[in-house]
Amino acid sequence: MKKISKKNIIAFLALSLTYLLGLVLIDKGIIDSYLQLNITLIGINIILAVGLNLITGFTGQFSLGHAAFMSIGAYTSAVVTAKLGQPFIVAILVSGVVAAVAGILIGIPTLRLKGDYLAIATLGFGEIVRILILNTDAVGGAIGFNDIPQYTNWTWIFTMTVVTIILVKNFINSYHGRACKSIREDEIAAEAMGVNTTYYKVLAFAIGAFFAGIAGSLYANYFYFIKPDSFGFMKSIDILVIVVFGGMGSIAGSIVGAIALSVISLFLQTIPELRMIIYALILFFIMVYRPTGIMGRDQIKLFKKEVKTNASIESK
């Protein structure tokens, strides 16, 4: 117990120092607006990837509509802050809740599907949301939503990223998280053991959608302007690539993947036509040479090492 408390204290101090260091560097101008933009995108991608990893990596539900939940959060936050004039914290929470409700509504009928059928259904959901926004003049339609107040800053990005990681990590390590993992490993066996598979699949879907809504809120209130095309099919692919690259079922992998691919995108801004080709090549090599992702193998080795250690202790 004391050892766990000590780890928590060290982690809290490390996070506090990182946050204060970021504040100082921004205040001194060492981190300019361009670097702040990229740090913001990395934070948003981490939140999106951790949420999708809960659905796809830990629960085994293949979703291609994650950008739709992000768009719901972004437009909700834009309406709450720009039209209703509410504080940003209210907009973040409302965006997450609205996206989670959308996740439940789409999750209940579609999560009875599996594999490719579920992927196609979530892809269709994403396109339906995009078309609805595109034809809704109240939120700008095809022109987009302008004049959104800029509330997103280093404090909000850092706080929401850390909160997302901590909450999802605690969920994964709880009874509910283990139920989700059992569904991923063998849904029929999990159901036979008394796990309510439909409930946990919808729960994972709702939590992932909640954090995607928060990411959308941070996105909308950083860039002033949003449009439906920003949350199309390719955005869902971007998030999925981050999850696969970092490691399916690995929170650390989602963080590493989001940072790595955000940096790669940064260097490919001058040649955007090659971006998706390079993404495809990355996925190809990951699937062939490291199918568990960058961090996935490390977890398996760690597990094996523990088994070996226990075996040696028993033999003694």
Protein backbone atom coordinates (compact mmCIF):
# COMPACT_ATOMS: atom_id res chain seq x y z
CA MET A 1 0.00 0.00 0.00
CA LYS A 2 2.85 2.36 0.90
CA LYS A 3 4.62 1.43 -2.32
CA ILE A 4 1.53 2.29 -4.39
CA SER A 5 1.10 5.60 -2.56
CA LYS A 6 4.73 6.46 -3.21
CA LYS A 7 4.29 5.77 -6.91
CA ASN A 8 1.21 7.97 -7.00
CA ILE A 9 3.05 10.81 -5.28
CA ILE A 10 5.98 10.54 -7.70
CA ALA A 11 3.58 10.48 -10.67
CA PHE A 12 1.71 13.51 -9.32
CA LEU A 13 4.95 15.45 -8.84
CA ALA A 14 6.16 14.50 -12.34
CA LEU A 15 2.89 15.64 -13.91
CA SER A 16 2.91 18.88 -11.91
CA LEU A 17 6.49 19.63 -12.98
CA THR A 18 5.63 18.89 -16.62
CA TYR A 19 2.64 21.20 -16.47
CA LEU A 20 4.62 24.02 -14.80
CA LEU A 21 7.51 23.57 -17.25
CA GLY A 22 5.07 23.93 -20.14
CA LEU A 23 3.60 27.09 -18.61
CA VAL A 24 7.04 28.64 -18.15
CA LEU A 25 8.21 27.76 -21.67
CA ILE A 26 5.03 29.22 -23.20
CA ASP A 27 5.29 32.34 -21.05
CA LYS A 28 8.93 32.88 -22.07
CA GLY A 29 8.05 32.40 -25.73
CA ILE A 30 10.31 29.34 -26.11
CA ILE A 31 7.22 27.36 -27.16
CA ASP A 32 5.81 29.57 -29.90
CA SER A 33 2.31 29.46 -31.40
CA TYR A 34 3.35 26.88 -34.01
CA LEU A 35 4.64 24.46 -31.37
CA GLN A 36 1.53 25.09 -29.26
CA LEU A 37 -0.60 24.12 -32.25
CA ASN A 38 1.22 20.82 -32.61
CA ILE A 39 1.13 20.12 -28.87
CA THR A 40 -2.63 20.76 -28.96
CA LEU A 41 -3.08 18.34 -31.86
CA ILE A 42 -1.00 15.69 -30.06
CA GLY A 43 -3.14 16.07 -26.92
CA ILE A 44 -6.39 15.80 -28.91
CA ASN A 45 -5.07 12.75 -30.78
CA ILE A 46 -4.07 11.06 -27.50
CA ILE A 47 -7.60 11.57 -26.11
CA LEU A 48 -9.16 10.22 -29.32
CA ALA A 49 -6.79 7.25 -29.53
CA VAL A 50 -7.21 6.24 -25.88
CA GLY A 51 -11.00 6.37 -26.28
CA LEU A 52 -10.96 4.32 -29.50
CA ASN A 53 -8.51 1.85 -27.97
CA LEU A 54 -11.03 1.16 -25.22
CA ILE A 55 -13.58 0.22 -27.91
CA THR A 56 -11.34 -1.53 -30.42
CA GLY A 57 -8.24 -2.61 -28.52
CA PHE A 58 -9.68 -3.64 -25.15
CA THR A 59 -13.24 -4.66 -26.07
CA GLY A 60 -12.55 -5.93 -29.58
CA GLN A 61 -15.25 -3.87 -31.36
CA PHE A 62 -14.01 -2.61 -34.73
CA SER A 63 -15.31 0.94 -35.16
CA LEU A 64 -14.82 3.23 -38.16
CA GLY A 65 -17.06 6.07 -36.98
CA HIS A 66 -15.06 7.62 -34.15
CA ALA A 67 -14.75 10.97 -35.95
CA ALA A 68 -18.56 11.26 -35.84
CA PHE A 69 -18.48 11.46 -32.02
CA MET A 70 -15.72 14.03 -32.26
CA SER A 71 -17.85 16.13 -34.63
CA ILE A 72 -20.85 15.89 -32.27
CA GLY A 73 -18.67 17.15 -29.43
CA ALA A 74 -17.14 19.91 -31.56
CA TYR A 75 -20.49 21.30 -32.76
CA THR A 76 -22.06 20.96 -29.32
CA SER A 77 -19.18 22.91 -27.77
CA ALA A 78 -19.42 25.55 -30.51
CA VAL A 79 -23.13 26.05 -29.86
CA VAL A 80 -22.73 26.10 -26.06
CA THR A 81 -19.87 28.63 -26.06
CA ALA A 82 -20.59 30.79 -29.14
CA LYS A 83 -24.40 30.89 -29.15
CA LEU A 84 -25.35 30.21 -25.54
CA GLY A 85 -22.33 31.95 -23.97
CA GLN A 86 -21.70 29.26 -21.35
CA PRO A 87 -18.32 28.64 -19.65
CA PHE A 88 -15.87 26.30 -21.37
CA ILE A 89 -16.00 23.67 -18.64
CA VAL A 90 -19.76 23.42 -19.18
CA ALA A 91 -19.20 23.06 -22.93
CA ILE A 92 -16.64 20.26 -22.40
CA LEU A 93 -18.93 18.28 -20.11
CA VAL A 94 -22.03 18.79 -22.28
CA SER A 95 -20.06 17.81 -25.39
CA GLY A 96 -18.87 14.61 -23.74
CA VAL A 97 -22.36 13.73 -22.48
CA VAL A 98 -24.06 14.42 -25.84
CA ALA A 99 -21.45 12.31 -27.66
CA ALA A 100 -21.86 9.51 -25.09
CA VAL A 101 -25.65 9.54 -25.55
CA ALA A 102 -25.10 9.32 -29.31
CA GLY A 103 -22.74 6.41 -28.66
CA ILE A 104 -25.41 4.60 -26.65
CA LEU A 105 -28.11 5.26 -29.25
CA ILE A 106 -25.96 3.91 -32.08
CA GLY A 107 -24.38 1.26 -29.92
CA ILE A 108 -27.52 -0.59 -28.82
CA PRO A 109 -28.69 -1.57 -32.34
CA THR A 110 -25.28 -1.94 -34.02
CA LEU A 111 -23.19 -3.72 -31.38
CA ARG A 112 -25.11 -6.90 -31.98
CA LEU A 113 -23.10 -6.96 -35.18
CA LYS A 114 -19.54 -8.25 -35.30
CA GLY A 115 -16.36 -7.76 -37.31
CA ASP A 116 -16.77 -6.29 -40.77
CA TYR A 117 -20.53 -5.73 -40.35
CA LEU A 118 -19.95 -3.58 -37.27
CA ALA A 119 -17.23 -1.62 -39.07
CA ILE A 120 -19.58 -0.92 -42.00
CA ALA A 121 -22.41 0.10 -39.64
CA THR A 122 -20.18 2.56 -37.72
CA LEU A 123 -18.83 3.89 -41.01
CA GLY A 124 -22.41 4.53 -42.15
CA PHE A 125 -23.17 6.26 -38.85
CA GLY A 126 -20.22 8.59 -39.36
CA GLU A 127 -21.40 9.54 -42.82
CA ILE A 128 -24.99 10.10 -41.59
CA VAL A 129 -23.76 12.52 -38.91
CA ARG A 130 -21.58 14.37 -41.43
CA ILE A 131 -24.44 14.71 -43.94
CA LEU A 132 -26.85 15.89 -41.21
CA ILE A 133 -24.42 18.61 -40.11
CA LEU A 134 -23.74 19.50 -43.74
CA ASN A 135 -27.45 20.22 -44.28
CA THR A 136 -28.15 22.00 -40.99
CA ASP A 137 -27.97 25.75 -41.55
CA ALA A 138 -28.27 26.48 -37.82
CA VAL A 139 -24.67 25.29 -37.34
CA GLY A 140 -23.32 26.74 -40.56
CA GLY A 141 -24.01 23.85 -42.93
CA ALA A 142 -21.40 23.38 -45.64
CA ILE A 143 -19.93 26.83 -44.94
CA GLY A 144 -18.88 25.81 -41.45
CA PHE A 145 -19.26 27.24 -37.94
CA ASN A 146 -17.36 30.52 -37.48
CA ASP A 147 -16.41 32.79 -34.58
CA ILE A 148 -16.02 30.10 -31.93
CA PRO A 149 -14.33 31.53 -28.81
CA GLN A 150 -10.79 30.27 -28.30
CA TYR A 151 -10.72 28.77 -24.81
CA THR A 152 -8.47 25.78 -25.41
CA ASN A 153 -4.98 26.39 -24.06
CA TRP A 154 -2.09 24.45 -22.51
CA THR A 155 -3.93 24.05 -19.20
CA TRP A 156 -7.04 22.54 -20.76
CA ILE A 157 -5.11 20.26 -23.12
CA PHE A 158 -2.78 18.97 -20.41
CA THR A 159 -5.58 18.51 -17.86
CA MET A 160 -8.02 16.73 -20.15
CA THR A 161 -5.31 14.47 -21.60
CA VAL A 162 -4.13 13.39 -18.16
CA VAL A 163 -7.71 12.95 -16.88
CA THR A 164 -8.60 10.80 -19.92
CA ILE A 165 -5.58 8.53 -19.47
CA ILE A 166 -6.13 8.11 -15.71
CA LEU A 167 -9.87 7.40 -16.02
CA VAL A 168 -9.51 4.90 -18.86
CA LYS A 169 -6.56 3.19 -17.13
CA ASN A 170 -8.56 2.81 -13.90
CA PHE A 171 -11.54 1.49 -15.87
CA ILE A 172 -9.38 -1.08 -17.66
CA ASN A 173 -7.94 -2.32 -14.35
CA SER A 174 -11.39 -2.60 -12.74
CA TYR A 175 -13.86 -5.50 -12.86
CA HIS A 176 -15.66 -3.77 -15.73
CA GLY A 177 -12.43 -3.45 -17.68
CA ARG A 178 -11.64 -7.13 -17.23
CA ALA A 179 -15.16 -7.92 -18.48
CA CYS A 180 -14.42 -5.90 -21.63
CA LYS A 181 -11.14 -7.78 -22.11
CA SER A 182 -12.92 -11.09 -21.76
CA ILE A 183 -15.30 -10.07 -24.56
CA ARG A 184 -12.30 -9.28 -26.74
CA GLU A 185 -10.69 -12.66 -26.08
CA ASP A 186 -13.81 -14.81 -26.54
CA GLU A 187 -17.29 -13.31 -26.51
CA ILE A 188 -19.09 -16.67 -26.30
CA ALA A 189 -16.95 -17.84 -23.38
CA ALA A 190 -17.42 -14.49 -21.61
CA GLU A 191 -21.19 -14.74 -21.99
CA ALA A 192 -21.10 -18.32 -20.71
CA MET A 193 -19.27 -17.08 -17.59
CA GLY A 194 -22.06 -14.61 -16.87
CA VAL A 195 -20.65 -11.45 -18.45
CA ASN A 196 -23.39 -9.23 -19.90
CA THR A 197 -21.64 -8.76 -23.23
CA THR A 198 -24.15 -6.33 -24.75
CA TYR A 199 -24.03 -4.08 -21.67
CA TYR A 200 -20.24 -3.92 -21.60
CA LYS A 201 -19.92 -3.38 -25.34
CA VAL A 202 -22.36 -0.45 -25.16
CA LEU A 203 -20.58 0.85 -22.04
CA ALA A 204 -17.20 0.80 -23.77
CA PHE A 205 -18.75 2.46 -26.81
CA ALA A 206 -20.31 5.21 -24.66
CA ILE A 207 -17.08 5.91 -22.74
CA GLY A 208 -15.06 6.06 -25.95
CA ALA A 209 -17.65 8.42 -27.48
CA PHE A 210 -17.59 10.59 -24.33
CA PHE A 211 -13.86 11.22 -24.64
CA ALA A 212 -14.17 11.75 -28.41
CA GLY A 213 -16.75 14.45 -27.63
CA ILE A 214 -14.28 16.11 -25.23
CA ALA A 215 -11.59 15.98 -27.92
CA GLY A 216 -14.02 17.62 -30.34
CA SER A 217 -14.76 20.36 -27.82
CA LEU A 218 -11.04 21.09 -27.39
CA TYR A 219 -10.63 21.10 -31.18
CA ALA A 220 -13.53 23.50 -31.85
CA ASN A 221 -12.48 25.98 -29.17
CA TYR A 222 -8.89 26.08 -30.38
CA PHE A 223 -9.36 26.58 -34.12
CA TYR A 224 -12.23 29.16 -34.04
CA PHE A 225 -13.75 27.45 -37.07
CA ILE A 226 -15.05 23.94 -37.82
CA LYS A 227 -16.66 22.37 -40.87
CA PRO A 228 -18.21 18.93 -41.57
CA ASP A 229 -15.35 17.80 -43.82
CA SER A 230 -12.93 18.01 -40.89
CA PHE A 231 -14.63 14.97 -39.31
CA GLY A 232 -15.07 12.69 -42.29
CA PHE A 233 -14.03 9.11 -42.93
CA MET A 234 -10.33 9.98 -43.22
CA LYS A 235 -10.32 11.40 -39.70
CA SER A 236 -11.64 8.08 -38.37
CA ILE A 237 -8.86 6.32 -40.31
CA ASP A 238 -6.28 8.66 -38.78
CA ILE A 239 -7.40 7.72 -35.26
CA LEU A 240 -7.49 4.01 -36.11
CA VAL A 241 -3.97 4.17 -37.57
CA ILE A 242 -2.71 5.72 -34.32
CA VAL A 243 -4.27 2.89 -32.30
CA VAL A 244 -2.92 0.14 -34.56
CA PHE A 245 0.52 1.77 -34.78
CA GLY A 246 0.84 2.19 -31.01
CA GLY A 247 -0.69 -1.14 -30.06
CA MET A 248 -4.20 -2.53 -29.82
CA GLY A 249 -5.07 -2.76 -26.13
CA SER A 250 -2.24 -0.54 -24.92
CA ILE A 251 -2.80 2.92 -23.43
CA ALA A 252 0.93 3.62 -23.58
CA GLY A 253 0.81 2.58 -27.22
CA SER A 254 -1.96 5.09 -27.92
CA ILE A 255 0.19 7.85 -26.43
CA VAL A 256 3.30 6.81 -28.36
CA GLY A 257 1.30 6.36 -31.56
CA ALA A 258 -0.38 9.76 -31.25
CA ILE A 259 2.95 11.52 -30.68
CA ALA A 260 4.79 9.64 -33.44
CA LEU A 261 2.13 10.03 -36.13
CA SER A 262 1.46 13.66 -35.21
CA VAL A 263 5.18 14.38 -35.68
CA ILE A 264 5.17 12.46 -38.99
CA SER A 265 2.14 14.48 -40.15
CA LEU A 266 4.01 17.64 -39.17
CA PHE A 267 6.88 16.78 -41.49
CA LEU A 268 4.50 15.74 -44.29
CA GLN A 269 2.58 19.01 -44.37
CA THR A 270 4.57 20.18 -47.37
CA ILE A 271 3.61 17.02 -49.34
CA PRO A 272 0.01 16.24 -48.25
CA GLU A 273 -0.60 14.07 -51.32
CA LEU A 274 1.91 11.51 -49.95
CA ARG A 275 0.54 11.49 -46.43
CA MET A 276 -1.99 8.68 -46.84
CA ILE A 277 0.49 6.63 -48.89
CA ILE A 278 2.99 6.81 -46.05
CA TYR A 279 0.23 5.98 -43.57
CA ALA A 280 -0.64 2.91 -45.65
CA LEU A 281 3.01 1.83 -45.72
CA ILE A 282 3.26 2.25 -41.94
CA LEU A 283 0.20 0.07 -41.45
CA PHE A 284 1.56 -2.52 -43.87
CA PHE A 285 4.92 -2.85 -42.08
CA ILE A 286 3.27 -2.83 -38.65
CA MET A 287 0.86 -5.61 -39.66
CA VAL A 288 3.65 -7.71 -41.20
CA TYR A 289 6.53 -7.24 -38.75
CA ARG A 290 4.86 -6.10 -35.52
CA PRO A 291 1.14 -6.97 -35.60
CA THR A 292 0.68 -6.14 -31.91
CA GLY A 293 1.85 -2.56 -32.45
CA ILE A 294 4.82 -0.65 -31.06
CA MET A 295 3.99 -1.29 -27.38
CA GLY A 296 1.97 -4.49 -27.65
CA ARG A 297 4.91 -6.92 -27.68
CA ASP A 298 6.45 -5.33 -24.60
CA GLN A 299 3.36 -6.14 -22.58
CA ILE A 300 3.44 -9.77 -23.72
CA LYS A 301 7.14 -10.07 -22.79
CA LEU A 302 6.44 -8.60 -19.39
CA PHE A 303 3.67 -11.11 -18.83
CA LYS A 304 5.88 -14.00 -19.87
CA LYS A 305 8.66 -12.79 -17.58
CA GLU A 306 6.25 -12.75 -14.65
CA VAL A 307 5.11 -16.30 -15.43
CA LYS A 308 8.72 -17.48 -15.61
CA THR A 309 9.54 -15.81 -12.31
CA ASN A 310 6.55 -17.40 -10.60
CA ALA A 311 7.45 -20.78 -12.03
CA SER A 312 11.00 -20.51 -10.70
CA ILE A 313 9.73 -19.54 -7.25
CA GLU A 314 7.38 -22.51 -7.18
CA SER A 315 10.19 -24.88 -8.19
CA LYS A 316 12.27 -23.64 -5.28
